[in-house]
All heavy atoms as atom14 arrays in JSON, in Angstrom:
{
  "sequence": "ALGVLSHSFMGHEIEDMWLDGRPVGEIGLAHATAAALGVPV",
  "atom14_mask": [
    [1, 1, 1, 1, 1, 0, 0, 0, 0, 0, 0, 0, 0, 0],
    [1, 1, 1, 1, 1, 1, 1, 1, 0, 0, 0, 0, 0, 0],
    [1, 1, 1, 1, 0, 0, 0, 0, 0, 0, 0, 0, 0, 0],
    [1, 1, 1, 1, 1, 1, 1, 0, 0, 0, 0, 0, 0, 0],
    [1, 1, 1, 1, 1, 1, 1, 1, 0, 0, 0, 0, 0, 0],
    [1, 1, 1, 1, 1, 1, 0, 0, 0, 0, 0, 0, 0, 0],
    [1, 1, 1, 1, 1, 1, 1, 1, 1, 1, 0, 0, 0, 0],
    [1, 1, 1, 1, 1, 1, 0, 0, 0, 0, 0, 0, 0, 0],
    [1, 1, 1, 1, 1, 1, 1, 1, 1, 1, 1, 0, 0, 0],
    [1, 1, 1, 1, 1, 1, 1, 1, 0, 0, 0, 0, 0, 0],
    [1, 1, 1, 1, 0, 0, 0, 0, 0, 0, 0, 0, 0, 0],
    [1, 1, 1, 1, 1, 1, 1, 1, 1, 1, 0, 0, 0, 0],
    [1, 1, 1, 1, 1, 1, 1, 1, 1, 0, 0, 0, 0, 0],
    [1, 1, 1, 1, 1, 1, 1, 1, 0, 0, 0, 0, 0, 0],
    [1, 1, 1, 1, 1, 1, 1, 1, 1, 0, 0, 0, 0, 0],
    [1, 1, 1, 1, 1, 1, 1, 1, 0, 0, 0, 0, 0, 0],
    [1, 1, 1, 1, 1, 1, 1, 1, 0, 0, 0, 0, 0, 0],
    [1, 1, 1, 1, 1, 1, 1, 1, 1, 1, 1, 1, 1, 1],
    [1, 1, 1, 1, 1, 1, 1, 1, 0, 0, 0, 0, 0, 0],
    [1, 1, 1, 1, 1, 1, 1, 1, 0, 0, 0, 0, 0, 0],
    [1, 1, 1, 1, 0, 0, 0, 0, 0, 0, 0, 0, 0, 0],
    [1, 1, 1, 1, 1, 1, 1, 1, 1, 1, 1, 0, 0, 0],
    [1, 1, 1, 1, 1, 1, 1, 0, 0, 0, 0, 0, 0, 0],
    [1, 1, 1, 1, 1, 1, 1, 0, 0, 0, 0, 0, 0, 0],
    [1, 1, 1, 1, 0, 0, 0, 0, 0, 0, 0, 0, 0, 0],
    [1, 1, 1, 1, 1, 1, 1, 1, 1, 0, 0, 0, 0, 0],
    [1, 1, 1, 1, 1, 1, 1, 1, 0, 0, 0, 0, 0, 0],
    [1, 1, 1, 1, 0, 0, 0, 0, 0, 0, 0, 0, 0, 0],
    [1, 1, 1, 1, 1, 1, 1, 1, 0, 0, 0, 0, 0, 0],
    [1, 1, 1, 1, 1, 0, 0, 0, 0, 0, 0, 0, 0, 0],
    [1, 1, 1, 1, 1, 1, 1, 1, 1, 1, 0, 0, 0, 0],
    [1, 1, 1, 1, 1, 0, 0, 0, 0, 0, 0, 0, 0, 0],
    [1, 1, 1, 1, 1, 1, 1, 0, 0, 0, 0, 0, 0, 0],
    [1, 1, 1, 1, 1, 0, 0, 0, 0, 0, 0, 0, 0, 0],
    [1, 1, 1, 1, 1, 0, 0, 0, 0, 0, 0, 0, 0, 0],
    [1, 1, 1, 1, 1, 0, 0, 0, 0, 0, 0, 0, 0, 0],
    [1, 1, 1, 1, 1, 1, 1, 1, 0, 0, 0, 0, 0, 0],
    [1, 1, 1, 1, 0, 0, 0, 0, 0, 0, 0, 0, 0, 0],
    [1, 1, 1, 1, 1, 1, 1, 0, 0, 0, 0, 0, 0, 0],
    [1, 1, 1, 1, 1, 1, 1, 0, 0, 0, 0, 0, 0, 0],
    [1, 1, 1, 1, 1, 1, 1, 0, 0, 0, 0, 0, 0, 0]
  ],
  "atom14_positions": [
    [[208.24, 155.68, 142.18], [207.95, 156.64, 143.24], [206.91, 156.06, 144.2], [206.05, 155.27, 143.8], [207.43, 157.94, 142.64], [0.0, 0.0, 0.0], [0.0, 0.0, 0.0], [0.0, 0.0, 0.0], [0.0, 0.0, 0.0], [0.0, 0.0, 0.0], [0.0, 0.0, 0.0], [0.0, 0.0, 0.0], [0.0, 0.0, 0.0], [0.0, 0.0, 0.0]],
    [[206.98, 156.45, 145.46], [205.99, 155.98, 146.42], [204.82, 156.96, 146.41], [204.62, 157.75, 147.32], [206.59, 155.88, 147.83], [205.72, 155.11, 148.84], [205.52, 153.68, 148.38], [206.35, 155.15, 150.22], [0.0, 0.0, 0.0], [0.0, 0.0, 0.0], [0.0, 0.0, 0.0], [0.0, 0.0, 0.0], [0.0, 0.0, 0.0], [0.0, 0.0, 0.0]],
    [[204.06, 156.9, 145.32], [202.88, 157.74, 145.16], [201.68, 156.88, 144.86], [201.8, 155.7, 144.51], [0.0, 0.0, 0.0], [0.0, 0.0, 0.0], [0.0, 0.0, 0.0], [0.0, 0.0, 0.0], [0.0, 0.0, 0.0], [0.0, 0.0, 0.0], [0.0, 0.0, 0.0], [0.0, 0.0, 0.0], [0.0, 0.0, 0.0], [0.0, 0.0, 0.0]],
    [[200.49, 157.45, 144.99], [199.26, 156.71, 144.75], [199.19, 156.25, 143.29], [199.29, 157.07, 142.37], [198.04, 157.57, 145.11], [196.75, 156.83, 144.76], [198.06, 157.93, 146.59], [0.0, 0.0, 0.0], [0.0, 0.0, 0.0], [0.0, 0.0, 0.0], [0.0, 0.0, 0.0], [0.0, 0.0, 0.0], [0.0, 0.0, 0.0], [0.0, 0.0, 0.0]],
    [[199.09, 154.94, 143.09], [198.96, 154.35, 141.76], [200.08, 154.77, 140.81], [199.9, 154.94, 139.61], [197.58, 154.7, 141.15], [196.39, 154.07, 141.88], [195.09, 154.75, 141.48], [196.3, 152.58, 141.58], [0.0, 0.0, 0.0], [0.0, 0.0, 0.0], [0.0, 0.0, 0.0], [0.0, 0.0, 0.0], [0.0, 0.0, 0.0], [0.0, 0.0, 0.0]],
    [[201.27, 154.95, 141.38], [202.41, 155.42, 140.58], [202.78, 154.41, 139.5], [202.78, 153.2, 139.72], [203.6, 155.66, 141.5], [203.96, 154.47, 142.18], [0.0, 0.0, 0.0], [0.0, 0.0, 0.0], [0.0, 0.0, 0.0], [0.0, 0.0, 0.0], [0.0, 0.0, 0.0], [0.0, 0.0, 0.0], [0.0, 0.0, 0.0], [0.0, 0.0, 0.0]],
    [[203.1, 154.91, 138.32], [203.6, 154.13, 137.2], [203.96, 155.11, 136.09], [203.71, 156.31, 136.21], [202.56, 153.12, 136.7], [201.33, 153.76, 136.1], [200.32, 154.31, 136.86], [200.96, 153.93, 134.81], [199.38, 154.81, 136.06], [199.74, 154.59, 134.81], [0.0, 0.0, 0.0], [0.0, 0.0, 0.0], [0.0, 0.0, 0.0], [0.0, 0.0, 0.0]],
    [[204.53, 154.59, 135.04], [204.84, 155.43, 133.87], [204.18, 154.81, 132.64], [204.69, 153.85, 132.06], [206.36, 155.54, 133.67], [206.96, 156.24, 134.73], [0.0, 0.0, 0.0], [0.0, 0.0, 0.0], [0.0, 0.0, 0.0], [0.0, 0.0, 0.0], [0.0, 0.0, 0.0], [0.0, 0.0, 0.0], [0.0, 0.0, 0.0], [0.0, 0.0, 0.0]],
    [[203.03, 155.32, 132.29], [202.3, 155.02, 131.06], [201.75, 153.59, 130.98], [200.6, 153.42, 130.61], [203.17, 155.28, 129.82], [203.48, 156.73, 129.58], [204.68, 157.28, 130.01], [202.57, 157.56, 128.94], [204.98, 158.62, 129.8], [202.85, 158.9, 128.73], [204.05, 159.43, 129.16], [0.0, 0.0, 0.0], [0.0, 0.0, 0.0], [0.0, 0.0, 0.0]],
    [[202.54, 152.57, 131.3], [202.11, 151.19, 131.06], [202.23, 150.31, 132.29], [202.7, 149.17, 132.22], [202.92, 150.57, 129.92], [202.59, 151.12, 128.55], [203.34, 150.12, 127.25], [202.39, 148.62, 127.34], [0.0, 0.0, 0.0], [0.0, 0.0, 0.0], [0.0, 0.0, 0.0], [0.0, 0.0, 0.0], [0.0, 0.0, 0.0], [0.0, 0.0, 0.0]],
    [[201.81, 150.78, 133.44], [201.9, 149.96, 134.63], [203.32, 149.54, 134.89], [204.25, 150.33, 134.77], [0.0, 0.0, 0.0], [0.0, 0.0, 0.0], [0.0, 0.0, 0.0], [0.0, 0.0, 0.0], [0.0, 0.0, 0.0], [0.0, 0.0, 0.0], [0.0, 0.0, 0.0], [0.0, 0.0, 0.0], [0.0, 0.0, 0.0], [0.0, 0.0, 0.0]],
    [[203.55, 148.27, 135.21], [204.91, 147.86, 135.52], [205.7, 147.42, 134.29], [206.85, 147.02, 134.41], [204.9, 146.77, 136.59], [204.36, 145.45, 136.14], [203.03, 145.1, 136.31], [204.94, 144.39, 135.54], [202.83, 143.88, 135.85], [203.96, 143.43, 135.37], [0.0, 0.0, 0.0], [0.0, 0.0, 0.0], [0.0, 0.0, 0.0], [0.0, 0.0, 0.0]],
    [[205.11, 147.47, 133.09], [205.86, 147.1, 131.89], [207.0, 148.08, 131.64], [208.06, 147.71, 131.15], [204.94, 147.02, 130.67], [205.66, 146.6, 129.4], [206.45, 145.31, 129.54], [205.91, 144.34, 130.12], [207.61, 145.28, 129.09], [0.0, 0.0, 0.0], [0.0, 0.0, 0.0], [0.0, 0.0, 0.0], [0.0, 0.0, 0.0], [0.0, 0.0, 0.0]],
    [[206.8, 149.37, 131.96], [207.87, 150.35, 131.86], [208.47, 150.52, 133.25], [207.8, 150.99, 134.18], [207.36, 151.69, 131.32], [206.94, 151.54, 129.85], [208.45, 152.76, 131.43], [206.36, 152.79, 129.23], [0.0, 0.0, 0.0], [0.0, 0.0, 0.0], [0.0, 0.0, 0.0], [0.0, 0.0, 0.0], [0.0, 0.0, 0.0], [0.0, 0.0, 0.0]],
    [[209.74, 150.14, 133.39], [210.38, 150.22, 134.7], [210.98, 151.59, 134.97], [210.92, 152.09, 136.09], [211.45, 149.13, 134.82], [210.87, 147.73, 134.91], [211.88, 146.7, 135.37], [213.09, 147.03, 135.41], [211.47, 145.58, 135.69], [0.0, 0.0, 0.0], [0.0, 0.0, 0.0], [0.0, 0.0, 0.0], [0.0, 0.0, 0.0], [0.0, 0.0, 0.0]],
    [[211.6, 152.18, 133.95], [212.23, 153.49, 134.12], [212.23, 154.22, 132.79], [212.23, 153.59, 131.71], [213.68, 153.37, 134.6], [213.8, 152.91, 136.04], [213.41, 153.71, 136.93], [214.25, 151.79, 136.27], [0.0, 0.0, 0.0], [0.0, 0.0, 0.0], [0.0, 0.0, 0.0], [0.0, 0.0, 0.0], [0.0, 0.0, 0.0], [0.0, 0.0, 0.0]],
    [[212.23, 155.55, 132.87], [212.34, 156.39, 131.69], [213.25, 157.56, 132.0], [213.31, 158.04, 133.14], [210.96, 156.94, 131.28], [209.95, 155.9, 130.89], [208.32, 156.62, 130.53], [208.7, 157.71, 129.15], [0.0, 0.0, 0.0], [0.0, 0.0, 0.0], [0.0, 0.0, 0.0], [0.0, 0.0, 0.0], [0.0, 0.0, 0.0], [0.0, 0.0, 0.0]],
    [[213.95, 158.04, 130.97], [214.8, 159.21, 131.11], [214.61, 160.1, 129.89], [214.53, 159.61, 128.76], [216.27, 158.83, 131.2], [216.62, 157.97, 132.37], [217.08, 158.37, 133.6], [216.57, 156.53, 132.42], [217.31, 157.28, 134.41], [217.0, 156.14, 133.72], [216.19, 155.54, 131.51], [217.06, 154.81, 134.11], [216.24, 154.22, 131.9], [216.68, 153.85, 133.19]],
    [[214.56, 161.39, 130.09], [214.56, 162.37, 129.0], [215.83, 163.19, 129.14], [216.03, 163.88, 130.15], [213.33, 163.27, 129.07], [213.18, 164.26, 127.91], [212.97, 163.52, 126.59], [212.02, 165.23, 128.16], [0.0, 0.0, 0.0], [0.0, 0.0, 0.0], [0.0, 0.0, 0.0], [0.0, 0.0, 0.0], [0.0, 0.0, 0.0], [0.0, 0.0, 0.0]],
    [[216.71, 163.06, 128.16], [218.03, 163.72, 128.22], [218.75, 163.39, 129.51], [219.37, 164.26, 130.15], [217.87, 165.23, 128.04], [217.29, 165.58, 126.68], [217.57, 164.86, 125.71], [216.53, 166.57, 126.59], [0.0, 0.0, 0.0], [0.0, 0.0, 0.0], [0.0, 0.0, 0.0], [0.0, 0.0, 0.0], [0.0, 0.0, 0.0], [0.0, 0.0, 0.0]],
    [[218.65, 162.13, 129.91], [219.36, 161.67, 131.09], [218.67, 161.96, 132.41], [219.15, 161.54, 133.47], [0.0, 0.0, 0.0], [0.0, 0.0, 0.0], [0.0, 0.0, 0.0], [0.0, 0.0, 0.0], [0.0, 0.0, 0.0], [0.0, 0.0, 0.0], [0.0, 0.0, 0.0], [0.0, 0.0, 0.0], [0.0, 0.0, 0.0], [0.0, 0.0, 0.0]],
    [[217.55, 162.64, 132.37], [216.83, 163.02, 133.59], [215.66, 162.06, 133.8], [214.87, 161.85, 132.87], [216.31, 164.45, 133.43], [215.65, 165.05, 134.64], [215.27, 166.49, 134.33], [214.65, 167.13, 135.48], [214.17, 168.38, 135.48], [214.24, 169.1, 134.37], [213.63, 168.89, 136.56], [0.0, 0.0, 0.0], [0.0, 0.0, 0.0], [0.0, 0.0, 0.0]],
    [[215.51, 161.47, 134.99], [214.37, 160.58, 135.23], [213.06, 161.3, 134.91], [212.86, 162.45, 135.29], [214.48, 160.25, 136.72], [215.93, 160.41, 137.04], [216.38, 161.57, 136.19], [0.0, 0.0, 0.0], [0.0, 0.0, 0.0], [0.0, 0.0, 0.0], [0.0, 0.0, 0.0], [0.0, 0.0, 0.0], [0.0, 0.0, 0.0], [0.0, 0.0, 0.0]],
    [[212.16, 160.6, 134.23], [210.94, 161.23, 133.76], [209.8, 160.23, 133.79], [210.01, 159.02, 133.7], [211.13, 161.8, 132.33], [211.22, 160.68, 131.31], [210.04, 162.79, 131.96], [0.0, 0.0, 0.0], [0.0, 0.0, 0.0], [0.0, 0.0, 0.0], [0.0, 0.0, 0.0], [0.0, 0.0, 0.0], [0.0, 0.0, 0.0], [0.0, 0.0, 0.0]],
    [[208.59, 160.73, 133.95], [207.38, 159.94, 133.83], [206.39, 160.71, 132.99], [206.76, 161.55, 132.15], [0.0, 0.0, 0.0], [0.0, 0.0, 0.0], [0.0, 0.0, 0.0], [0.0, 0.0, 0.0], [0.0, 0.0, 0.0], [0.0, 0.0, 0.0], [0.0, 0.0, 0.0], [0.0, 0.0, 0.0], [0.0, 0.0, 0.0], [0.0, 0.0, 0.0]],
    [[205.13, 160.49, 133.22], [204.09, 161.16, 132.45], [204.11, 162.68, 132.67], [203.86, 163.46, 131.76], [202.73, 160.56, 132.79], [202.64, 159.1, 132.38], [201.4, 158.39, 132.88], [200.33, 159.04, 132.98], [201.48, 157.18, 133.14], [0.0, 0.0, 0.0], [0.0, 0.0, 0.0], [0.0, 0.0, 0.0], [0.0, 0.0, 0.0], [0.0, 0.0, 0.0]],
    [[204.43, 163.09, 133.89], [204.42, 164.51, 134.21], [205.51, 165.25, 133.45], [205.26, 166.24, 132.74], [204.59, 164.71, 135.73], [203.32, 164.25, 136.46], [204.9, 166.17, 136.06], [203.46, 164.21, 137.97], [0.0, 0.0, 0.0], [0.0, 0.0, 0.0], [0.0, 0.0, 0.0], [0.0, 0.0, 0.0], [0.0, 0.0, 0.0], [0.0, 0.0, 0.0]],
    [[206.75, 164.8, 133.57], [207.85, 165.49, 132.91], [207.76, 165.44, 131.4], [208.08, 166.43, 130.72], [0.0, 0.0, 0.0], [0.0, 0.0, 0.0], [0.0, 0.0, 0.0], [0.0, 0.0, 0.0], [0.0, 0.0, 0.0], [0.0, 0.0, 0.0], [0.0, 0.0, 0.0], [0.0, 0.0, 0.0], [0.0, 0.0, 0.0], [0.0, 0.0, 0.0]],
    [[207.32, 164.3, 130.85], [207.25, 164.19, 129.4], [206.13, 165.06, 128.84], [206.28, 165.67, 127.77], [207.06, 162.73, 129.0], [207.34, 162.4, 127.53], [208.73, 162.84, 127.11], [207.17, 160.91, 127.28], [0.0, 0.0, 0.0], [0.0, 0.0, 0.0], [0.0, 0.0, 0.0], [0.0, 0.0, 0.0], [0.0, 0.0, 0.0], [0.0, 0.0, 0.0]],
    [[205.02, 165.15, 129.57], [203.94, 166.05, 129.13], [204.41, 167.5, 129.19], [204.16, 168.29, 128.27], [202.71, 165.86, 130.01], [0.0, 0.0, 0.0], [0.0, 0.0, 0.0], [0.0, 0.0, 0.0], [0.0, 0.0, 0.0], [0.0, 0.0, 0.0], [0.0, 0.0, 0.0], [0.0, 0.0, 0.0], [0.0, 0.0, 0.0], [0.0, 0.0, 0.0]],
    [[205.1, 167.87, 130.26], [205.59, 169.24, 130.4], [206.57, 169.58, 129.29], [206.48, 170.65, 128.66], [206.26, 169.4, 131.78], [206.79, 170.77, 132.04], [207.96, 171.25, 131.48], [206.31, 171.79, 132.83], [208.18, 172.48, 131.9], [207.19, 172.84, 132.71], [0.0, 0.0, 0.0], [0.0, 0.0, 0.0], [0.0, 0.0, 0.0], [0.0, 0.0, 0.0]],
    [[207.53, 168.68, 129.02], [208.53, 168.95, 128.0], [207.91, 169.04, 126.61], [208.31, 169.87, 125.78], [209.6, 167.85, 128.03], [0.0, 0.0, 0.0], [0.0, 0.0, 0.0], [0.0, 0.0, 0.0], [0.0, 0.0, 0.0], [0.0, 0.0, 0.0], [0.0, 0.0, 0.0], [0.0, 0.0, 0.0], [0.0, 0.0, 0.0], [0.0, 0.0, 0.0]],
    [[206.91, 168.22, 126.34], [206.26, 168.24, 125.04], [205.44, 169.52, 124.86], [205.46, 170.14, 123.79], [205.37, 167.01, 124.87], [206.17, 165.83, 125.03], [204.71, 166.98, 123.5], [0.0, 0.0, 0.0], [0.0, 0.0, 0.0], [0.0, 0.0, 0.0], [0.0, 0.0, 0.0], [0.0, 0.0, 0.0], [0.0, 0.0, 0.0], [0.0, 0.0, 0.0]],
    [[204.73, 169.92, 125.91], [203.99, 171.19, 125.84], [204.94, 172.35, 125.62], [204.67, 173.26, 124.82], [203.18, 171.39, 127.13], [0.0, 0.0, 0.0], [0.0, 0.0, 0.0], [0.0, 0.0, 0.0], [0.0, 0.0, 0.0], [0.0, 0.0, 0.0], [0.0, 0.0, 0.0], [0.0, 0.0, 0.0], [0.0, 0.0, 0.0], [0.0, 0.0, 0.0]],
    [[206.08, 172.33, 126.32], [207.07, 173.4, 126.15], [207.59, 173.45, 124.72], [207.82, 174.53, 124.17], [208.22, 173.2, 127.14], [0.0, 0.0, 0.0], [0.0, 0.0, 0.0], [0.0, 0.0, 0.0], [0.0, 0.0, 0.0], [0.0, 0.0, 0.0], [0.0, 0.0, 0.0], [0.0, 0.0, 0.0], [0.0, 0.0, 0.0], [0.0, 0.0, 0.0]],
    [[207.77, 172.27, 124.12], [208.25, 172.23, 122.74], [207.24, 172.86, 121.78], [207.61, 173.36, 120.72], [208.54, 170.79, 122.33], [0.0, 0.0, 0.0], [0.0, 0.0, 0.0], [0.0, 0.0, 0.0], [0.0, 0.0, 0.0], [0.0, 0.0, 0.0], [0.0, 0.0, 0.0], [0.0, 0.0, 0.0], [0.0, 0.0, 0.0], [0.0, 0.0, 0.0]],
    [[205.97, 172.84, 122.17], [204.93, 173.48, 121.37], [204.74, 174.95, 121.73], [203.92, 175.64, 121.13], [203.6, 172.73, 121.57], [203.54, 171.32, 120.97], [202.33, 170.57, 121.51], [203.48, 171.4, 119.44], [0.0, 0.0, 0.0], [0.0, 0.0, 0.0], [0.0, 0.0, 0.0], [0.0, 0.0, 0.0], [0.0, 0.0, 0.0], [0.0, 0.0, 0.0]],
    [[205.48, 175.41, 122.72], [205.37, 176.8, 123.15], [204.22, 177.05, 124.11], [203.77, 178.19, 124.26], [0.0, 0.0, 0.0], [0.0, 0.0, 0.0], [0.0, 0.0, 0.0], [0.0, 0.0, 0.0], [0.0, 0.0, 0.0], [0.0, 0.0, 0.0], [0.0, 0.0, 0.0], [0.0, 0.0, 0.0], [0.0, 0.0, 0.0], [0.0, 0.0, 0.0]],
    [[203.75, 175.98, 124.78], [202.6, 176.11, 125.68], [203.07, 175.85, 127.12], [203.56, 174.75, 127.42], [201.49, 175.11, 125.32], [200.31, 175.26, 126.27], [201.05, 175.31, 123.87], [0.0, 0.0, 0.0], [0.0, 0.0, 0.0], [0.0, 0.0, 0.0], [0.0, 0.0, 0.0], [0.0, 0.0, 0.0], [0.0, 0.0, 0.0], [0.0, 0.0, 0.0]],
    [[202.92, 176.81, 128.03], [203.31, 176.57, 129.42], [202.29, 175.71, 130.15], [201.08, 175.83, 129.92], [203.35, 177.97, 130.02], [202.36, 178.76, 129.21], [202.43, 178.19, 127.81], [0.0, 0.0, 0.0], [0.0, 0.0, 0.0], [0.0, 0.0, 0.0], [0.0, 0.0, 0.0], [0.0, 0.0, 0.0], [0.0, 0.0, 0.0], [0.0, 0.0, 0.0]],
    [[202.75, 174.81, 131.01], [201.86, 174.11, 131.92], [201.64, 175.03, 133.12], [202.59, 175.4, 133.81], [202.45, 172.77, 132.37], [201.56, 172.11, 133.42], [202.63, 171.84, 131.17], [0.0, 0.0, 0.0], [0.0, 0.0, 0.0], [0.0, 0.0, 0.0], [0.0, 0.0, 0.0], [0.0, 0.0, 0.0], [0.0, 0.0, 0.0], [0.0, 0.0, 0.0]]
  ]
}
């Protein structure tokens, strides 16, 4: 993404991530994990 200091967890070592086929980074994975615990972001 063209965002300030954009990356996913490990700088450029992680090029892409998907959760259930959906592009994801730290934001989406944190949200999905919180939801799995029953906690809304």
